[in-house]
Amino acid sequence: RASADADLGGVLVEEVQPKGPAALAGIQEGDLIVAIGGRRVKTLADFQAVMKRARAGKLAKFKVVRSEFSEGDLVEVERTLTVRLGGR
C-alpha cells in the first residue's frame, strides 16, 4: 500500500506484504518510490499509471529513497531495487 508524499514528490510505501514481490526485492515500509523503470513517480496517480501498464512476471527497477542511520546521523539514501511484478 502506498500514498503520495507531497513534500518530496514520490509515493510513500505504507505497507509491504510479507513474502510479496516488493518485500522479496527489499522494499520496506517508509521507502519513498521516486521512479519505476526510469519513469519519474511524483504522485499516486503516476504510480498507478505505471503499474497499470506493467505486466505480471516482468522485472522492474524501482528507485527508492530511504532514511537510514550512518555514523549516528539520519541520512537519505537512494537505492535501485529490482522487483518481479506480481499479478493483480
Protein backbone atom coordinates (compact mmCIF):
# COMPACT_ATOMS: atom_id res chain seq x y z
CA ARG A 1 0.00 0.00 0.00
CA ALA A 2 1.32 3.43 -0.89
CA SER A 3 0.40 7.10 -0.57
CA ALA A 4 1.67 10.30 -2.16
CA ASP A 5 4.34 12.33 -0.37
CA ALA A 6 3.66 15.97 -1.20
CA ASP A 7 6.89 17.29 0.34
CA LEU A 8 9.42 15.29 -1.66
CA GLY A 9 7.40 14.07 -4.59
CA GLY A 10 7.10 10.34 -4.86
CA VAL A 11 4.99 7.62 -3.34
CA LEU A 12 5.50 6.61 0.28
CA VAL A 13 5.32 2.88 1.00
CA GLU A 14 2.94 2.44 3.93
CA GLU A 15 2.71 -1.35 3.97
CA VAL A 16 4.61 -4.24 2.39
CA GLN A 17 3.10 -7.71 2.22
CA PRO A 18 5.46 -10.23 3.82
CA LYS A 19 6.97 -12.54 1.19
CA GLY A 20 5.32 -10.49 -1.59
CA PRO A 21 7.30 -9.26 -4.62
CA ALA A 22 8.12 -5.89 -3.05
CA ALA A 23 9.36 -7.45 0.20
CA LEU A 24 11.44 -10.02 -1.68
CA ALA A 25 13.08 -7.17 -3.64
CA GLY A 26 13.94 -5.30 -0.44
CA ILE A 27 11.30 -2.57 -0.48
CA GLN A 28 10.45 -1.51 3.06
CA GLU A 29 7.73 0.45 4.81
CA GLY A 30 8.81 4.09 4.83
CA ASP A 31 10.60 3.91 1.47
CA LEU A 32 9.76 6.68 -0.98
CA ILE A 33 9.34 5.39 -4.55
CA VAL A 34 10.58 8.12 -6.90
CA ALA A 35 10.90 6.19 -10.19
CA ILE A 36 9.85 2.89 -11.76
CA GLY A 37 11.58 1.62 -14.88
CA GLY A 38 13.19 5.00 -15.42
CA ARG A 39 9.85 6.85 -15.26
CA ARG A 40 9.59 9.52 -12.59
CA VAL A 41 6.88 8.90 -10.00
CA LYS A 42 5.77 12.12 -8.31
CA THR A 43 2.17 11.31 -7.38
CA LEU A 44 -0.01 8.35 -6.54
CA ALA A 45 -1.63 8.79 -9.98
CA ASP A 46 1.84 8.47 -11.61
CA PHE A 47 2.47 5.26 -9.64
CA GLN A 48 -0.92 3.82 -10.58
CA ALA A 49 -0.43 4.67 -14.28
CA VAL A 50 2.96 2.94 -14.40
CA MET A 51 1.68 -0.11 -12.54
CA LYS A 52 -1.40 -0.35 -14.77
CA ARG A 53 0.86 -0.76 -17.83
CA ALA A 54 3.17 -3.22 -16.06
CA ARG A 55 3.00 -6.91 -16.92
CA ALA A 56 2.92 -9.57 -14.22
CA GLY A 57 6.12 -11.58 -14.03
CA LYS A 58 8.30 -8.87 -15.58
CA LEU A 59 11.20 -7.27 -13.75
CA ALA A 60 11.04 -3.55 -12.98
CA LYS A 61 13.65 -1.28 -11.40
CA PHE A 62 12.25 0.77 -8.54
CA LYS A 63 14.29 3.77 -7.41
CA VAL A 64 13.56 4.44 -3.75
CA VAL A 65 14.78 6.95 -1.19
CA ARG A 66 15.19 5.52 2.30
CA SER A 67 16.13 7.17 5.60
CA GLU A 68 18.99 5.30 7.30
CA PHE A 69 21.39 5.93 10.12
CA SER A 70 25.01 6.37 9.07
CA GLU A 71 27.64 7.06 11.72
CA GLY A 72 24.93 8.29 14.09
CA ASP A 73 23.27 10.63 11.57
CA LEU A 74 19.98 10.09 9.77
CA VAL A 75 20.63 10.33 6.02
CA GLU A 76 18.59 9.89 2.86
CA VAL A 77 19.93 7.03 0.74
CA GLU A 78 18.84 6.32 -2.82
CA ARG A 79 18.60 2.68 -3.83
CA THR A 80 17.57 0.89 -7.01
CA LEU A 81 15.75 -2.37 -6.35
CA THR A 82 14.59 -4.93 -8.91
CA VAL A 83 11.02 -6.12 -8.36
CA ARG A 84 9.38 -9.08 -10.13
CA LEU A 85 5.90 -7.71 -10.65
CA GLY A 86 3.06 -9.84 -9.31
CA GLY A 87 -0.41 -10.44 -10.67
CA ARG A 88 -3.40 -8.33 -9.79
